[in-house]
Amino acid sequence: MLTAQRPDDMGDLVTQIARALVDIPADVKVEEVEKEESTALRLHVAPTDVGKVIGKQGRTARSIRTILGAVSMKHHHRYTLDILEEDKHAPEEEHASAASTA
């Protein structure tokens, strides 16, 4: 029996799904963290887009995780999804709040 090879493009798949959902697709970034028997996919999106990738009652995030779970079963390698805010806009917010106090 042949064992299926692990796909290298799971990060790309999650990136494409997330970019289709968000308002700022340029801020979507997926970081792959390899562990012994699993890969954690860390999805970074703009703070205003976090709700869009999570969805109402977490349904969208659960759907993405379901897809990852199906791939995990087929390839005998666990994939997990962590959704994180991208903090690259933080310095602009500090500058804006400093200007409003002047």
PDB file of N, CA and C in Angstrom:
ATOM      1  N   MET A   1       0.850  -1.190   0.000  1.00  0.00           N
ATOM      2  CA  MET A   1       0.000   0.000   0.000  1.00  0.00           C
ATOM      3  C   MET A   1       0.886   1.240   0.000  1.00  0.00           C
ATOM      4  N   LEU A   2       0.577   2.170  -0.862  1.00  0.00           N
ATOM      5  CA  LEU A   2       1.340   3.407  -0.947  1.00  0.00           C
ATOM      6  C   LEU A   2       0.859   4.407   0.084  1.00  0.00           C
ATOM      7  N   THR A   3       1.805   5.097   0.705  1.00  0.00           N
ATOM      8  CA  THR A   3       1.414   6.160   1.625  1.00  0.00           C
ATOM      9  C   THR A   3       1.439   7.482   0.879  1.00  0.00           C
ATOM     10  N   ALA A   4       0.455   8.281   1.100  1.00  0.00           N
ATOM     11  CA  ALA A   4       0.360   9.569   0.414  1.00  0.00           C
ATOM     12  C   ALA A   4       1.398  10.531   0.971  1.00  0.00           C
ATOM     13  N   GLN A   5       2.013  11.281   0.078  1.00  0.00           N
ATOM     14  CA  GLN A   5       2.975  12.277   0.527  1.00  0.00           C
ATOM     15  C   GLN A   5       2.233  13.474   1.091  1.00  0.00           C
ATOM     16  N   ARG A   6       2.921  14.136   2.036  1.00  0.00           N
ATOM     17  CA  ARG A   6       2.331  15.340   2.612  1.00  0.00           C
ATOM     18  C   ARG A   6       2.347  16.465   1.588  1.00  0.00           C
ATOM     19  N   PRO A   7       1.249  17.197   1.463  1.00  0.00           N
ATOM     20  CA  PRO A   7       1.251  18.326   0.529  1.00  0.00           C
ATOM     21  C   PRO A   7       2.085  19.480   1.091  1.00  0.00           C
ATOM     22  N   ASP A   8       2.798  20.186   0.209  1.00  0.00           N
ATOM     23  CA  ASP A   8       3.610  21.316   0.656  1.00  0.00           C
ATOM     24  C   ASP A   8       2.816  22.615   0.616  1.00  0.00           C
ATOM     25  N   ASP A   9       1.653  22.587   0.044  1.00  0.00           N
ATOM     26  CA  ASP A   9       0.944  23.833  -0.215  1.00  0.00           C
ATOM     27  C   ASP A   9      -0.267  24.078   0.690  1.00  0.00           C
ATOM     28  N   MET A  10      -0.280  23.492   1.867  1.00  0.00           N
ATOM     29  CA  MET A  10      -1.408  23.738   2.775  1.00  0.00           C
ATOM     30  C   MET A  10      -1.443  25.197   3.210  1.00  0.00           C
ATOM     31  N   GLY A  11      -0.277  25.797   3.401  1.00  0.00           N
ATOM     32  CA  GLY A  11      -0.221  27.226   3.732  1.00  0.00           C
ATOM     33  C   GLY A  11      -0.808  28.072   2.614  1.00  0.00           C
ATOM     34  N   ASP A  12      -0.525  27.687   1.362  1.00  0.00           N
ATOM     35  CA  ASP A  12      -1.075  28.409   0.216  1.00  0.00           C
ATOM     36  C   ASP A  12      -2.594  28.274   0.156  1.00  0.00           C
ATOM     37  N   LEU A  13      -3.091  27.077   0.462  1.00  0.00           N
ATOM     38  CA  LEU A  13      -4.539  26.853   0.463  1.00  0.00           C
ATOM     39  C   LEU A  13      -5.222  27.753   1.492  1.00  0.00           C
ATOM     40  N   VAL A  14      -4.695  27.793   2.705  1.00  0.00           N
ATOM     41  CA  VAL A  14      -5.282  28.627   3.758  1.00  0.00           C
ATOM     42  C   VAL A  14      -5.159  30.105   3.390  1.00  0.00           C
ATOM     43  N   THR A  15      -4.042  30.488   2.774  1.00  0.00           N
ATOM     44  CA  THR A  15      -3.860  31.873   2.335  1.00  0.00           C
ATOM     45  C   THR A  15      -4.928  32.264   1.327  1.00  0.00           C
ATOM     46  N   GLN A  16      -5.171  31.418   0.342  1.00  0.00           N
ATOM     47  CA  GLN A  16      -6.161  31.725  -0.694  1.00  0.00           C
ATOM     48  C   GLN A  16      -7.571  31.804  -0.113  1.00  0.00           C
ATOM     49  N   ILE A  17      -7.900  30.905   0.793  1.00  0.00           N
ATOM     50  CA  ILE A  17      -9.225  30.944   1.424  1.00  0.00           C
ATOM     51  C   ILE A  17      -9.380  32.244   2.205  1.00  0.00           C
ATOM     52  N   ALA A  18      -8.373  32.589   3.010  1.00  0.00           N
ATOM     53  CA  ALA A  18      -8.447  33.796   3.837  1.00  0.00           C
ATOM     54  C   ALA A  18      -8.532  35.052   2.979  1.00  0.00           C
ATOM     55  N   ARG A  19      -7.740  35.123   1.913  1.00  0.00           N
ATOM     56  CA  ARG A  19      -7.762  36.310   1.042  1.00  0.00           C
ATOM     57  C   ARG A  19      -9.121  36.507   0.389  1.00  0.00           C
ATOM     58  N   ALA A  20      -9.832  35.413   0.130  1.00  0.00           N
ATOM     59  CA  ALA A  20     -11.167  35.515  -0.459  1.00  0.00           C
ATOM     60  C   ALA A  20     -12.191  36.051   0.544  1.00  0.00           C
ATOM     61  N   LEU A  21     -11.885  35.946   1.840  1.00  0.00           N
ATOM     62  CA  LEU A  21     -12.837  36.337   2.880  1.00  0.00           C
ATOM     63  C   LEU A  21     -12.646  37.751   3.411  1.00  0.00           C
ATOM     64  N   VAL A  22     -11.423  38.270   3.387  1.00  0.00           N
ATOM     65  CA  VAL A  22     -11.100  39.508   4.100  1.00  0.00           C
ATOM     66  C   VAL A  22     -11.218  40.747   3.222  1.00  0.00           C
ATOM     67  N   ASP A  23     -11.193  41.923   3.877  1.00  0.00           N
ATOM     68  CA  ASP A  23     -11.221  43.204   3.167  1.00  0.00           C
ATOM     69  C   ASP A  23      -9.817  43.663   2.779  1.00  0.00           C
ATOM     70  N   ILE A  24      -8.798  43.231   3.515  1.00  0.00           N
ATOM     71  CA  ILE A  24      -7.417  43.639   3.249  1.00  0.00           C
ATOM     72  C   ILE A  24      -6.593  42.383   2.953  1.00  0.00           C
ATOM     73  N   PRO A  25      -6.696  41.852   1.730  1.00  0.00           N
ATOM     74  CA  PRO A  25      -5.994  40.611   1.408  1.00  0.00           C
ATOM     75  C   PRO A  25      -4.472  40.740   1.454  1.00  0.00           C
ATOM     76  N   ALA A  26      -3.943  41.941   1.302  1.00  0.00           N
ATOM     77  CA  ALA A  26      -2.491  42.132   1.347  1.00  0.00           C
ATOM     78  C   ALA A  26      -1.925  41.830   2.731  1.00  0.00           C
ATOM     79  N   ASP A  27      -2.748  41.919   3.778  1.00  0.00           N
ATOM     80  CA  ASP A  27      -2.297  41.668   5.145  1.00  0.00           C
ATOM     81  C   ASP A  27      -2.374  40.195   5.545  1.00  0.00           C
ATOM     82  N   VAL A  28      -2.849  39.336   4.660  1.00  0.00           N
ATOM     83  CA  VAL A  28      -2.954  37.907   4.973  1.00  0.00           C
ATOM     84  C   VAL A  28      -1.582  37.260   4.821  1.00  0.00           C
ATOM     85  N   LYS A  29      -1.185  36.546   5.872  1.00  0.00           N
ATOM     86  CA  LYS A  29       0.098  35.840   5.850  1.00  0.00           C
ATOM     87  C   LYS A  29      -0.085  34.546   6.635  1.00  0.00           C
ATOM     88  N   VAL A  30       0.449  33.456   6.110  1.00  0.00           N
ATOM     89  CA  VAL A  30       0.385  32.171   6.807  1.00  0.00           C
ATOM     90  C   VAL A  30       1.808  31.717   7.103  1.00  0.00           C
ATOM     91  N   GLU A  31       2.033  31.445   8.377  1.00  0.00           N
ATOM     92  CA  GLU A  31       3.332  30.960   8.843  1.00  0.00           C
ATOM     93  C   GLU A  31       3.163  29.488   9.207  1.00  0.00           C
ATOM     94  N   GLU A  32       4.034  28.641   8.669  1.00  0.00           N
ATOM     95  CA  GLU A  32       3.965  27.210   8.957  1.00  0.00           C
ATOM     96  C   GLU A  32       5.021  26.858   9.998  1.00  0.00           C
ATOM     97  N   VAL A  33       4.573  26.288  11.114  1.00  0.00           N
ATOM     98  CA  VAL A  33       5.479  25.873  12.182  1.00  0.00           C
ATOM     99  C   VAL A  33       5.445  24.357  12.243  1.00  0.00           C
ATOM    100  N   GLU A  34       6.543  23.741  11.804  1.00  0.00           N
ATOM    101  CA  GLU A  34       6.648  22.279  11.778  1.00  0.00           C
ATOM    102  C   GLU A  34       6.988  21.751  13.163  1.00  0.00           C
ATOM    103  N   LYS A  35       6.285  20.715  13.556  1.00  0.00           N
ATOM    104  CA  LYS A  35       6.581  19.993  14.783  1.00  0.00           C
ATOM    105  C   LYS A  35       6.820  18.541  14.396  1.00  0.00           C
ATOM    106  N   GLU A  36       7.004  17.669  15.356  1.00  0.00           N
ATOM    107  CA  GLU A  36       7.316  16.276  15.037  1.00  0.00           C
ATOM    108  C   GLU A  36       6.268  15.619  14.147  1.00  0.00           C
ATOM    109  N   GLU A  37       5.043  15.571  14.603  1.00  0.00           N
ATOM    110  CA  GLU A  37       3.996  14.892  13.843  1.00  0.00           C
ATOM    111  C   GLU A  37       2.866  15.815  13.435  1.00  0.00           C
ATOM    112  N   SER A  38       3.128  17.119  13.457  1.00  0.00           N
ATOM    113  CA  SER A  38       2.072  18.056  13.083  1.00  0.00           C
ATOM    114  C   SER A  38       2.669  19.338  12.510  1.00  0.00           C
ATOM    115  N   THR A  39       1.807  20.109  11.893  1.00  0.00           N
ATOM    116  CA  THR A  39       2.180  21.417  11.372  1.00  0.00           C
ATOM    117  C   THR A  39       1.126  22.405  11.848  1.00  0.00           C
ATOM    118  N   ALA A  40       1.578  23.458  12.512  1.00  0.00           N
ATOM    119  CA  ALA A  40       0.672  24.525  12.935  1.00  0.00           C
ATOM    120  C   ALA A  40       0.701  25.613  11.867  1.00  0.00           C
ATOM    121  N   LEU A  41      -0.463  25.964  11.361  1.00  0.00           N
ATOM    122  CA  LEU A  41      -0.580  27.043  10.394  1.00  0.00           C
ATOM    123  C   LEU A  41      -1.073  28.272  11.148  1.00  0.00           C
ATOM    124  N   ARG A  42      -0.245  29.299  11.204  1.00  0.00           N
ATOM    125  CA  ARG A  42      -0.602  30.535  11.912  1.00  0.00           C
ATOM    126  C   ARG A  42      -1.044  31.560  10.890  1.00  0.00           C
ATOM    127  N   LEU A  43      -2.328  31.845  10.897  1.00  0.00           N
ATOM    128  CA  LEU A  43      -2.930  32.772   9.947  1.00  0.00           C
ATOM    129  C   LEU A  43      -2.931  34.170  10.558  1.00  0.00           C
ATOM    130  N   HIS A  44      -2.208  35.085   9.920  1.00  0.00           N
ATOM    131  CA  HIS A  44      -2.144  36.475  10.365  1.00  0.00           C
ATOM    132  C   HIS A  44      -3.025  37.308   9.444  1.00  0.00           C
ATOM    133  N   VAL A  45      -3.955  38.078  10.028  1.00  0.00           N
ATOM    134  CA  VAL A  45      -4.809  38.975   9.258  1.00  0.00           C
ATOM    135  C   VAL A  45      -4.883  40.325   9.967  1.00  0.00           C
ATOM    136  N   ALA A  46      -5.369  41.331   9.255  1.00  0.00           N
ATOM    137  CA  ALA A  46      -5.543  42.657   9.845  1.00  0.00           C
ATOM    138  C   ALA A  46      -6.546  42.568  10.997  1.00  0.00           C
ATOM    139  N   PRO A  47      -6.373  43.403  12.026  1.00  0.00           N
ATOM    140  CA  PRO A  47      -7.300  43.363  13.170  1.00  0.00           C
ATOM    141  C   PRO A  47      -8.764  43.517  12.763  1.00  0.00           C
ATOM    142  N   THR A  48      -9.031  44.289  11.717  1.00  0.00           N
ATOM    143  CA  THR A  48     -10.416  44.484  11.277  1.00  0.00           C
ATOM    144  C   THR A  48     -10.978  43.271  10.553  1.00  0.00           C
ATOM    145  N   ASP A  49     -10.111  42.340  10.149  1.00  0.00           N
ATOM    146  CA  ASP A  49     -10.551  41.161   9.398  1.00  0.00           C
ATOM    147  C   ASP A  49     -10.631  39.885  10.222  1.00  0.00           C
ATOM    148  N   VAL A  50     -10.255  39.945  11.486  1.00  0.00           N
ATOM    149  CA  VAL A  50     -10.268  38.737  12.317  1.00  0.00           C
ATOM    150  C   VAL A  50     -11.672  38.132  12.365  1.00  0.00           C
ATOM    151  N   GLY A  51     -12.671  38.949  12.533  1.00  0.00           N
ATOM    152  CA  GLY A  51     -14.048  38.455  12.597  1.00  0.00           C
ATOM    153  C   GLY A  51     -14.493  37.772  11.318  1.00  0.00           C
ATOM    154  N   LYS A  52     -13.966  38.233  10.193  1.00  0.00           N
ATOM    155  CA  LYS A  52     -14.358  37.642   8.914  1.00  0.00           C
ATOM    156  C   LYS A  52     -13.810  36.225   8.748  1.00  0.00           C
ATOM    157  N   VAL A  53     -12.599  35.967   9.234  1.00  0.00           N
ATOM    158  CA  VAL A  53     -12.055  34.605   9.101  1.00  0.00           C
ATOM    159  C   VAL A  53     -12.544  33.682  10.210  1.00  0.00           C
ATOM    160  N   ILE A  54     -13.030  34.263  11.298  1.00  0.00           N
ATOM    161  CA  ILE A  54     -13.613  33.434  12.361  1.00  0.00           C
ATOM    162  C   ILE A  54     -15.070  33.131  12.030  1.00  0.00           C
ATOM    163  N   GLY A  55     -15.804  34.132  11.580  1.00  0.00           N
ATOM    164  CA  GLY A  55     -17.202  33.943  11.201  1.00  0.00           C
ATOM    165  C   GLY A  55     -18.134  33.950  12.401  1.00  0.00           C
ATOM    166  N   LYS A  56     -19.420  33.964  12.118  1.00  0.00           N
ATOM    167  CA  LYS A  56     -20.417  33.956  13.189  1.00  0.00           C
ATOM    168  C   LYS A  56     -20.342  32.644  13.946  1.00  0.00           C
ATOM    169  N   GLN A  57     -20.209  32.753  15.244  1.00  0.00           N
ATOM    170  CA  GLN A  57     -20.091  31.610  16.146  1.00  0.00           C
ATOM    171  C   GLN A  57     -18.948  30.674  15.740  1.00  0.00           C
ATOM    172  N   GLY A  58     -17.922  31.229  15.067  1.00  0.00           N
ATOM    173  CA  GLY A  58     -16.748  30.450  14.699  1.00  0.00           C
ATOM    174  C   GLY A  58     -16.948  29.490  13.542  1.00  0.00           C
ATOM    175  N   ARG A  59     -18.022  29.683  12.798  1.00  0.00           N
ATOM    176  CA  ARG A  59     -18.342  28.722  11.734  1.00  0.00           C
ATOM    177  C   ARG A  59     -17.320  28.708  10.604  1.00  0.00           C
ATOM    178  N   THR A  60     -16.840  29.877  10.198  1.00  0.00           N
ATOM    179  CA  THR A  60     -15.875  29.933   9.100  1.00  0.00           C
ATOM    180  C   THR A  60     -14.558  29.281   9.515  1.00  0.00           C
ATOM    181  N   ALA A  61     -14.062  29.615  10.698  1.00  0.00           N
ATOM    182  CA  ALA A  61     -12.831  29.004  11.199  1.00  0.00           C
ATOM    183  C   ALA A  61     -13.004  27.497  11.340  1.00  0.00           C
ATOM    184  N   ARG A  62     -14.156  27.068  11.811  1.00  0.00           N
ATOM    185  CA  ARG A  62     -14.418  25.635  11.961  1.00  0.00           C
ATOM    186  C   ARG A  62     -14.413  24.944  10.600  1.00  0.00           C
ATOM    187  N   SER A  63     -14.937  25.616   9.577  1.00  0.00           N
ATOM    188  CA  SER A  63     -14.946  25.037   8.232  1.00  0.00           C
ATOM    189  C   SER A  63     -13.532  24.870   7.685  1.00  0.00           C
ATOM    190  N   ILE A  64     -12.688  25.877   7.886  1.00  0.00           N
ATOM    191  CA  ILE A  64     -11.294  25.774   7.444  1.00  0.00           C
ATOM    192  C   ILE A  64     -10.603  24.643   8.190  1.00  0.00           C
ATOM    193  N   ARG A  65     -10.875  24.544   9.484  1.00  0.00           N
ATOM    194  CA  ARG A  65     -10.263  23.468  10.281  1.00  0.00           C
ATOM    195  C   ARG A  65     -10.773  22.094   9.838  1.00  0.00           C
ATOM    196  N   THR A  66     -12.017  22.014   9.379  1.00  0.00           N
ATOM    197  CA  THR A  66     -12.561  20.757   8.872  1.00  0.00           C
ATOM    198  C   THR A  66     -11.808  20.317   7.621  1.00  0.00           C
ATOM    199  N   ILE A  67     -11.518  21.264   6.736  1.00  0.00           N
ATOM    200  CA  ILE A  67     -10.738  20.955   5.534  1.00  0.00           C
ATOM    201  C   ILE A  67      -9.357  20.452   5.932  1.00  0.00           C
ATOM    202  N   LEU A  68      -8.717  21.145   6.888  1.00  0.00           N
ATOM    203  CA  LEU A  68      -7.403  20.715   7.355  1.00  0.00           C
ATOM    204  C   LEU A  68      -7.467  19.334   7.997  1.00  0.00           C
ATOM    205  N   GLY A  69      -8.554  19.054   8.690  1.00  0.00           N
ATOM    206  CA  GLY A  69      -8.733  17.746   9.318  1.00  0.00           C
ATOM    207  C   GLY A  69      -8.851  16.639   8.281  1.00  0.00           C
ATOM    208  N   ALA A  70      -9.539  16.914   7.181  1.00  0.00           N
ATOM    209  CA  ALA A  70      -9.676  15.918   6.115  1.00  0.00           C
ATOM    210  C   ALA A  70      -8.318  15.632   5.478  1.00  0.00           C
ATOM    211  N   VAL A  71      -7.533  16.677   5.262  1.00  0.00           N
ATOM    212  CA  VAL A  71      -6.194  16.493   4.702  1.00  0.00           C
ATOM    213  C   VAL A  71      -5.315  15.740   5.701  1.00  0.00           C
ATOM    214  N   SER A  72      -5.473  16.064   6.983  1.00  0.00           N
ATOM    215  CA  SER A  72      -4.698  15.386   8.028  1.00  0.00           C
ATOM    216  C   SER A  72      -4.954  13.887   8.016  1.00  0.00           C
ATOM    217  N   MET A  73      -6.195  13.487   7.862  1.00  0.00           N
ATOM    218  CA  MET A  73      -6.545  12.067   7.838  1.00  0.00           C
ATOM    219  C   MET A  73      -5.936  11.374   6.627  1.00  0.00           C
ATOM    220  N   LYS A  74      -6.008  12.033   5.484  1.00  0.00           N
ATOM    221  CA  LYS A  74      -5.514  11.420   4.259  1.00  0.00           C
ATOM    222  C   LYS A  74      -3.998  11.266   4.281  1.00  0.00           C
ATOM    223  N   HIS A  75      -3.298  12.264   4.798  1.00  0.00           N
ATOM    224  CA  HIS A  75      -1.841  12.275   4.729  1.00  0.00           C
ATOM    225  C   HIS A  75      -1.167  11.844   6.032  1.00  0.00           C
ATOM    226  N   HIS A  76      -1.965  11.452   7.016  1.00  0.00           N
ATOM    227  CA  HIS A  76      -1.443  10.992   8.302  1.00  0.00           C
ATOM    228  C   HIS A  76      -0.487  12.003   8.921  1.00  0.00           C
ATOM    229  N   HIS A  77      -0.869  13.251   8.826  1.00  0.00           N
ATOM    230  CA  HIS A  77      -0.081  14.357   9.398  1.00  0.00           C
ATOM    231  C   HIS A  77      -1.067  15.405   9.863  1.00  0.00           C
ATOM    232  N   ARG A  78      -0.981  15.786  11.106  1.00  0.00           N
ATOM    233  CA  ARG A  78      -1.953  16.705  11.695  1.00  0.00           C
ATOM    234  C   ARG A  78      -1.637  18.156  11.327  1.00  0.00           C
ATOM    235  N   TYR A  79      -2.684  18.882  10.906  1.00  0.00           N
ATOM    236  CA  TYR A  79      -2.582  20.313  10.639  1.00  0.00           C
ATOM    237  C   TYR A  79      -3.506  21.039  11.609  1.00  0.00           C
ATOM    238  N   THR A  80      -2.990  22.111  12.219  1.00  0.00           N
ATOM    239  CA  THR A  80      -3.813  22.929  13.098  1.00  0.00           C
ATOM    240  C   THR A  80      -3.805  24.355  12.573  1.00  0.00           C
ATOM    241  N   LEU A  81      -4.824  25.119  12.943  1.00  0.00           N
ATOM    242  CA  LEU A  81      -4.951  26.502  12.486  1.00  0.00           C
ATOM    243  C   LEU A  81      -5.054  27.426  13.688  1.00  0.00           C
ATOM    244  N   ASP A  82      -4.182  28.429  13.721  1.00  0.00           N
ATOM    245  CA  ASP A  82      -4.234  29.485  14.725  1.00  0.00           C
ATOM    246  C   ASP A  82      -4.493  30.791  13.988  1.00  0.00           C
ATOM    247  N   ILE A  83      -5.479  31.554  14.432  1.00  0.00           N
ATOM    248  CA  ILE A  83      -5.811  32.827  13.793  1.00  0.00           C
ATOM    249  C   ILE A  83      -5.290  33.951  14.672  1.00  0.00           C
ATOM    250  N   LEU A  84      -4.431  34.799  14.095  1.00  0.00           N
ATOM    251  CA  LEU A  84      -3.781  35.873  14.833  1.00  0.00           C
ATOM    252  C   LEU A  84      -3.992  37.212  14.139  1.00  0.00           C
ATOM    253  N   GLU A  85      -3.973  38.281  14.937  1.00  0.00           N
ATOM    254  CA  GLU A  85      -4.047  39.630  14.369  1.00  0.00           C
ATOM    255  C   GLU A  85      -2.670  40.059  13.917  1.00  0.00           C
ATOM    256  N   GLU A  86      -2.606  40.729  12.794  1.00  0.00           N
ATOM    257  CA  GLU A  86      -1.347  41.298  12.312  1.00  0.00           C
ATOM    258  C   GLU A  86      -1.196  42.668  12.963  1.00  0.00           C
ATOM    259  N   ASP A  87      -0.080  42.891  13.678  1.00  0.00           N
ATOM    260  CA  ASP A  87       0.106  44.126  14.447  1.00  0.00           C
ATOM    261  C   ASP A  87       0.890  45.195  13.713  1.00  0.00           C
ATOM    262  N   LYS A  88       1.012  45.114  12.404  1.00  0.00           N
ATOM    263  CA  LYS A  88       1.854  46.079  11.717  1.00  0.00           C
ATOM    264  C   LYS A  88       1.250  47.476  11.670  1.00  0.00           C
ATOM    265  N   HIS A  89      -0.037  47.635  12.002  1.00  0.00           N
ATOM    266  CA  HIS A  89      -0.665  48.958  12.017  1.00  0.00           C
ATOM    267  C   HIS A  89      -0.551  49.639  13.375  1.00  0.00           C
ATOM    268  N   ALA A  90       0.010  48.976  14.370  1.00  0.00           N
ATOM    269  CA  ALA A  90       0.097  49.524  15.722  1.00  0.00           C
ATOM    270  C   ALA A  90       0.846  50.851  15.783  1.00  0.00           C
ATOM    271  N   PRO A  91       2.011  51.034  15.113  1.00  0.00           N
ATOM    272  CA  PRO A  91       2.701  52.325  15.198  1.00  0.00           C
ATOM    273  C   PRO A  91       1.868  53.474  14.649  1.00  0.00           C
ATOM    274  N   GLU A  92       1.066  53.226  13.607  1.00  0.00           N
ATOM    275  CA  GLU A  92       0.214  54.288  13.059  1.00  0.00           C
ATOM    276  C   GLU A  92      -0.835  54.704  14.082  1.00  0.00           C
ATOM    277  N   GLU A  93      -1.391  53.732  14.829  1.00  0.00           N
ATOM    278  CA  GLU A  93      -2.385  54.048  15.833  1.00  0.00           C
ATOM    279  C   GLU A  93      -1.772  54.882  16.950  1.00  0.00           C
ATOM    280  N   GLU A  94      -0.542  54.531  17.357  1.00  0.00           N
ATOM    281  CA  GLU A  94       0.130  55.318  18.405  1.00  0.00           C
ATOM    282  C   GLU A  94       0.351  56.740  17.922  1.00  0.00           C
ATOM    283  N   HIS A  95       0.773  56.889  16.649  1.00  0.00           N
ATOM    284  CA  HIS A  95       1.011  58.215  16.086  1.00  0.00           C
ATOM    285  C   HIS A  95      -0.294  59.001  16.010  1.00  0.00           C
ATOM    286  N   ALA A  96      -1.373  58.347  15.615  1.00  0.00           N
ATOM    287  CA  ALA A  96      -2.661  59.024  15.524  1.00  0.00           C
ATOM    288  C   ALA A  96      -3.161  59.450  16.894  1.00  0.00           C
ATOM    289  N   SER A  97      -2.985  58.601  17.917  1.00  0.00           N
ATOM    290  CA  SER A  97      -3.452  58.970  19.248  1.00  0.00           C
ATOM    291  C   SER A  97      -2.577  60.073  19.831  1.00  0.00           C
ATOM    292  N   ALA A  98      -1.303  60.089  19.496  1.00  0.00           N
ATOM    293  CA  ALA A  98      -0.416  61.156  19.991  1.00  0.00           C
ATOM    294  C   ALA A  98      -0.788  62.483  19.349  1.00  0.00           C
ATOM    295  N   ALA A  99      -1.185  62.448  18.070  1.00  0.00           N
ATOM    296  CA  ALA A  99      -1.564  63.673  17.387  1.00  0.00           C
ATOM    297  C   ALA A  99      -2.890  64.219  17.935  1.00  0.00           C
ATOM    298  N   SER A 100      -3.778  63.345  18.353  1.00  0.00           N
ATOM    299  CA  SER A 100      -5.066  63.807  18.854  1.00  0.00           C
ATOM    300  C   SER A 100      -4.967  64.400  20.251  1.00  0.00           C
ATOM    301  N   THR A 101      -3.903  64.071  20.993  1.00  0.00           N
ATOM    302  CA  THR A 101      -3.750  64.626  22.341  1.00  0.00           C
ATOM    303  C   THR A 101      -3.043  65.966  22.318  1.00  0.00           C
ATOM    304  N   ALA A 102      -2.428  66.319  21.177  1.00  0.00           N
ATOM    305  CA  ALA A 102      -1.679  67.581  21.090  1.00  0.00           C
ATOM    306  C   ALA A 102      -2.588  68.768  20.931  1.00  0.00           C
TER     307      ALA A 102
END
